[in-house]
Amino acid sequence: MTFPGFGEAVVDFYEGLEADNTKAYWTDNKTIYDEHVRAPMLALLTDLASEFGAGKVFRPYRDVRFAADKTPYKVQCGATAGHHYVQVSADGVMVATGYYRMTSAQVARFRAAIDDDRHGPALASIVEGLRAEDFTIAGEQLKSRPRGVDPEHPRLDLMRHKALFAWRSWPPSDELHTPALADRVANTWRRLEPLGQWLDEHVGVDLDDTAERPGGRRR
C-alpha cells in the first residue's frame, strides 16, 4: 500500500464536524471519512511500518460516559506506531512522540530516572535540543515540586512532569494531499526517536495500566 496523501475533502469534513457534531452529519458524510481520512491514514501507517512498527488508527467515537462534553465524534483522526503519534484534523497535521499519560507507577520510575545522574542528564539534553528546534514540550505537570524533591534539583522542571511528549504541527497545505507528507511524518518521528527510546527504556508501559501515547489510546 502506498500513501497517496489525505483526500481533498479532509479539512472540509472536519470543519463540518466541528460545526455539526451529530449522528446525522456523521451518517451523511461517513463515506468521506472512510475514503478521505481513514483509508489514507491506514496507508500512511502501512508505508511507515517497516521502520516504526505496526500502527493503529484510533476509533472516531468519543467516550462520553464521564465527560461533560457529550458530542459523540472526535474532531481529529489519530494514530500511533509504537511511541509515535500522528493526527489529521481541520487544523492540518500534528506529529508527536512520548507518553501522553502515565500511571503512578510510571511516574515513579520516570522521576527516579530523572534523578539518576546516569540517565537524567540525557533526557534534559534531549528536551533542550528539541526545544531549540521549536518542538513543543508538553505533558501534565505539577505546579510545585514533587514531595521530597530538592528545590535546587538541577532537573526540577522535568521532575514536575506527570507525562511528557514533544510535538509539532503544520497547517493545511497542498502537501497534506500528497505522498510527500509521509516523508515529513517519518523525518519528524526520526528526530523525536531519542525521546521515545528514553521513555521506553526508563519508564516503559505497564501491562495493566492506562498509559497513553500522545493523543491517547483511550481518547
Protein backbone atom coordinates (compact mmCIF):
# COMPACT_ATOMS: atom_id res chain seq x y z
CA MET A 1 0.00 0.00 0.00
CA THR A 2 1.33 3.44 -0.90
CA PHE A 3 0.16 6.56 0.91
CA PRO A 4 -1.44 8.93 -1.63
CA GLY A 5 -1.93 11.83 0.76
CA PHE A 6 -5.12 12.64 2.61
CA GLY A 7 -8.18 13.25 0.48
CA GLU A 8 -9.10 16.69 -0.79
CA ALA A 9 -12.19 16.72 1.45
CA VAL A 10 -10.42 16.01 4.77
CA VAL A 11 -10.32 19.62 6.01
CA ASP A 12 -13.88 20.38 4.91
CA PHE A 13 -15.06 17.17 6.56
CA TYR A 14 -13.60 18.11 9.94
CA GLU A 15 -14.67 21.73 9.70
CA GLY A 16 -18.18 20.45 9.11
CA LEU A 17 -17.93 18.03 12.03
CA GLU A 18 -16.78 20.80 14.34
CA ALA A 19 -19.83 22.82 13.34
CA ASP A 20 -22.30 19.92 13.44
CA ASN A 21 -21.06 17.12 15.69
CA THR A 22 -24.14 14.95 15.33
CA LYS A 23 -25.01 11.44 14.21
CA ALA A 24 -26.88 12.91 11.25
CA TYR A 25 -23.78 14.71 9.95
CA TRP A 26 -21.62 11.64 10.54
CA THR A 27 -24.02 9.33 8.75
CA ASP A 28 -24.32 11.67 5.77
CA ASN A 29 -20.53 12.04 5.49
CA LYS A 30 -19.19 8.68 6.62
CA THR A 31 -18.11 7.78 3.09
CA ILE A 32 -15.93 10.89 3.05
CA TYR A 33 -14.39 9.86 6.37
CA ASP A 34 -13.71 6.34 5.11
CA GLU A 35 -12.18 7.41 1.79
CA HIS A 36 -10.50 10.75 2.56
CA VAL A 37 -9.41 10.21 6.17
CA ARG A 38 -9.28 6.65 7.46
CA ALA A 39 -8.06 4.85 4.32
CA PRO A 40 -5.16 7.30 3.77
CA MET A 41 -4.22 7.09 7.46
CA LEU A 42 -4.07 3.30 7.23
CA ALA A 43 -1.93 3.62 4.10
CA LEU A 44 0.41 6.03 5.87
CA LEU A 45 0.90 3.61 8.76
CA THR A 46 1.46 0.73 6.36
CA ASP A 47 4.12 2.64 4.45
CA LEU A 48 5.96 3.55 7.68
CA ALA A 49 5.57 0.18 9.39
CA SER A 50 8.88 -1.27 8.20
CA GLU A 51 10.75 1.40 10.17
CA PHE A 52 8.40 2.29 13.02
CA GLY A 53 6.36 -0.86 13.56
CA ALA A 54 2.72 -1.69 13.05
CA GLY A 55 0.34 1.18 13.61
CA LYS A 56 -3.17 1.60 14.92
CA VAL A 57 -5.87 4.12 13.97
CA PHE A 58 -7.99 5.28 16.89
CA ARG A 59 -11.72 4.89 16.62
CA PRO A 60 -13.63 8.10 15.74
CA TYR A 61 -16.11 7.84 18.60
CA ARG A 62 -15.63 9.74 21.85
CA ASP A 63 -16.08 8.06 25.24
CA VAL A 64 -18.67 10.39 26.75
CA ARG A 65 -19.64 8.31 29.79
CA PHE A 66 -17.94 10.61 32.29
CA ALA A 67 -17.48 13.69 30.11
CA ALA A 68 -19.32 16.99 30.41
CA ASP A 69 -18.99 17.35 26.64
CA LYS A 70 -21.38 14.82 25.12
CA THR A 71 -20.52 15.41 21.45
CA PRO A 72 -20.19 11.90 20.01
CA TYR A 73 -17.32 12.20 17.49
CA LYS A 74 -13.66 13.16 17.67
CA VAL A 75 -12.70 16.17 15.56
CA GLN A 76 -9.41 14.55 14.55
CA CYS A 77 -8.19 11.19 13.31
CA GLY A 78 -5.27 10.00 15.41
CA ALA A 79 -2.98 7.00 15.05
CA THR A 80 0.04 5.51 16.80
CA ALA A 81 3.06 3.49 15.82
CA GLY A 82 4.89 2.48 18.99
CA HIS A 83 5.64 5.62 20.98
CA HIS A 84 4.92 7.84 17.95
CA TYR A 85 1.67 9.61 17.13
CA VAL A 86 0.15 11.40 14.14
CA GLN A 87 -3.20 13.08 13.66
CA VAL A 88 -5.07 14.95 10.95
CA SER A 89 -7.83 17.48 11.53
CA ALA A 90 -9.20 20.75 10.22
CA ASP A 91 -6.04 22.34 11.64
CA GLY A 92 -3.75 20.21 9.49
CA VAL A 93 -1.30 17.58 10.75
CA MET A 94 0.22 17.09 14.19
CA VAL A 95 3.11 14.71 14.84
CA ALA A 96 4.29 13.73 18.32
CA THR A 97 6.29 11.26 20.39
CA GLY A 98 6.21 10.40 24.07
CA TYR A 99 3.82 9.39 26.84
CA TYR A 100 0.59 11.37 26.93
CA ARG A 101 -0.46 9.98 30.31
CA MET A 102 1.35 7.86 32.91
CA THR A 103 0.20 5.78 35.84
CA SER A 104 1.52 6.42 39.34
CA ALA A 105 4.00 3.57 38.93
CA GLN A 106 5.26 5.00 35.66
CA VAL A 107 5.62 8.47 37.16
CA ALA A 108 7.67 6.99 39.98
CA ARG A 109 10.03 5.28 37.51
CA PHE A 110 10.15 8.43 35.39
CA ARG A 111 11.23 10.63 38.31
CA ALA A 112 13.71 8.07 39.60
CA ALA A 113 15.41 8.01 36.19
CA ILE A 114 15.48 11.81 36.00
CA ASP A 115 17.01 11.96 39.47
CA ASP A 116 19.69 9.47 38.48
CA ASP A 117 22.80 11.27 37.24
CA ARG A 118 23.45 8.39 34.83
CA HIS A 119 20.15 8.90 32.99
CA GLY A 120 18.58 12.26 33.89
CA PRO A 121 21.09 14.49 32.07
CA ALA A 122 20.45 12.57 28.84
CA LEU A 123 16.74 13.38 28.96
CA ALA A 124 17.47 17.02 29.80
CA SER A 125 19.74 17.20 26.75
CA ILE A 126 17.12 15.60 24.51
CA VAL A 127 14.43 18.01 25.66
CA GLU A 128 16.71 21.04 25.37
CA GLY A 129 17.63 20.07 21.83
CA LEU A 130 14.01 19.64 20.78
CA ARG A 131 13.02 22.99 22.26
CA ALA A 132 15.86 24.61 20.33
CA GLU A 133 14.31 23.21 17.15
CA ASP A 134 10.91 24.68 18.03
CA PHE A 135 9.25 21.47 19.12
CA THR A 136 6.65 21.98 21.82
CA ILE A 137 7.39 20.06 25.02
CA ALA A 138 4.16 19.14 26.76
CA GLY A 139 2.57 16.87 29.33
CA GLU A 140 0.71 17.31 32.60
CA GLN A 141 2.85 18.96 35.29
CA LEU A 142 2.67 19.76 38.97
CA LYS A 143 2.53 23.46 39.77
CA SER A 144 5.05 22.95 42.57
CA ARG A 145 7.89 20.50 43.06
CA PRO A 146 7.11 16.87 43.86
CA ARG A 147 7.16 15.97 47.53
CA GLY A 148 10.66 15.29 48.79
CA VAL A 149 12.44 16.73 45.77
CA ASP A 150 15.19 19.26 46.47
CA PRO A 151 14.05 22.75 45.38
CA GLU A 152 17.53 23.18 43.90
CA HIS A 153 17.37 19.97 41.87
CA PRO A 154 19.13 20.59 38.53
CA ARG A 155 16.29 18.93 36.62
CA LEU A 156 13.37 20.20 38.69
CA ASP A 157 11.35 21.27 35.62
CA LEU A 158 11.41 17.70 34.31
CA MET A 159 10.66 16.27 37.76
CA ARG A 160 7.38 18.19 37.78
CA HIS A 161 6.09 16.29 34.78
CA LYS A 162 3.47 13.55 35.19
CA ALA A 163 3.55 12.95 31.42
CA LEU A 164 5.96 14.00 28.71
CA PHE A 165 5.77 14.31 24.95
CA ALA A 166 7.03 16.55 22.19
CA TRP A 167 5.05 17.66 19.18
CA ARG A 168 4.99 19.80 16.07
CA SER A 169 2.14 20.71 13.73
CA TRP A 170 1.60 22.12 10.26
CA PRO A 171 -1.49 23.91 8.95
CA PRO A 172 -3.33 22.57 5.90
CA SER A 173 -1.36 22.92 2.68
CA ASP A 174 -1.09 21.23 -0.70
CA GLU A 175 1.38 18.77 0.85
CA LEU A 176 -1.43 17.36 3.02
CA HIS A 177 -2.84 15.73 -0.10
CA THR A 178 0.42 14.31 -1.47
CA PRO A 179 2.66 11.29 -0.75
CA ALA A 180 5.37 13.74 0.38
CA LEU A 181 3.58 14.07 3.71
CA ALA A 182 4.77 10.57 4.62
CA ASP A 183 8.37 11.78 4.43
CA ARG A 184 7.57 14.73 6.69
CA VAL A 185 5.99 12.44 9.28
CA ALA A 186 8.85 9.93 9.08
CA ASN A 187 11.54 12.60 9.39
CA THR A 188 9.81 14.11 12.41
CA TRP A 189 9.46 10.74 14.11
CA ARG A 190 13.16 10.07 13.48
CA ARG A 191 14.08 13.34 15.16
CA LEU A 192 11.84 12.50 18.11
CA GLU A 193 13.03 8.90 18.41
CA PRO A 194 15.59 9.60 21.20
CA LEU A 195 12.79 10.89 23.43
CA GLY A 196 10.65 7.83 22.79
CA GLN A 197 13.59 5.49 23.36
CA TRP A 198 14.49 7.16 26.66
CA LEU A 199 10.92 6.83 27.92
CA ASP A 200 10.60 3.21 26.79
CA GLU A 201 13.89 2.29 28.44
CA HIS A 202 13.39 4.07 31.76
CA VAL A 203 9.60 4.18 32.17
CA GLY A 204 8.01 1.54 29.97
CA VAL A 205 4.35 0.61 29.55
CA ASP A 206 2.76 -1.46 32.32
CA LEU A 207 0.64 -4.37 31.12
CA ASP A 208 -2.30 -3.36 33.30
CA ASP A 209 -2.06 0.42 33.03
CA THR A 210 -3.98 3.07 31.10
CA ALA A 211 -0.90 4.92 29.96
CA GLU A 212 -1.33 6.66 26.67
CA ARG A 213 0.83 7.86 23.84
CA PRO A 214 0.36 11.39 22.61
CA GLY A 215 -3.25 11.79 21.57
CA GLY A 216 -4.19 8.88 23.75
CA ARG A 217 -5.20 5.25 23.38
CA ARG A 218 -8.47 5.95 25.12
CA ARG A 219 -9.34 9.44 23.93
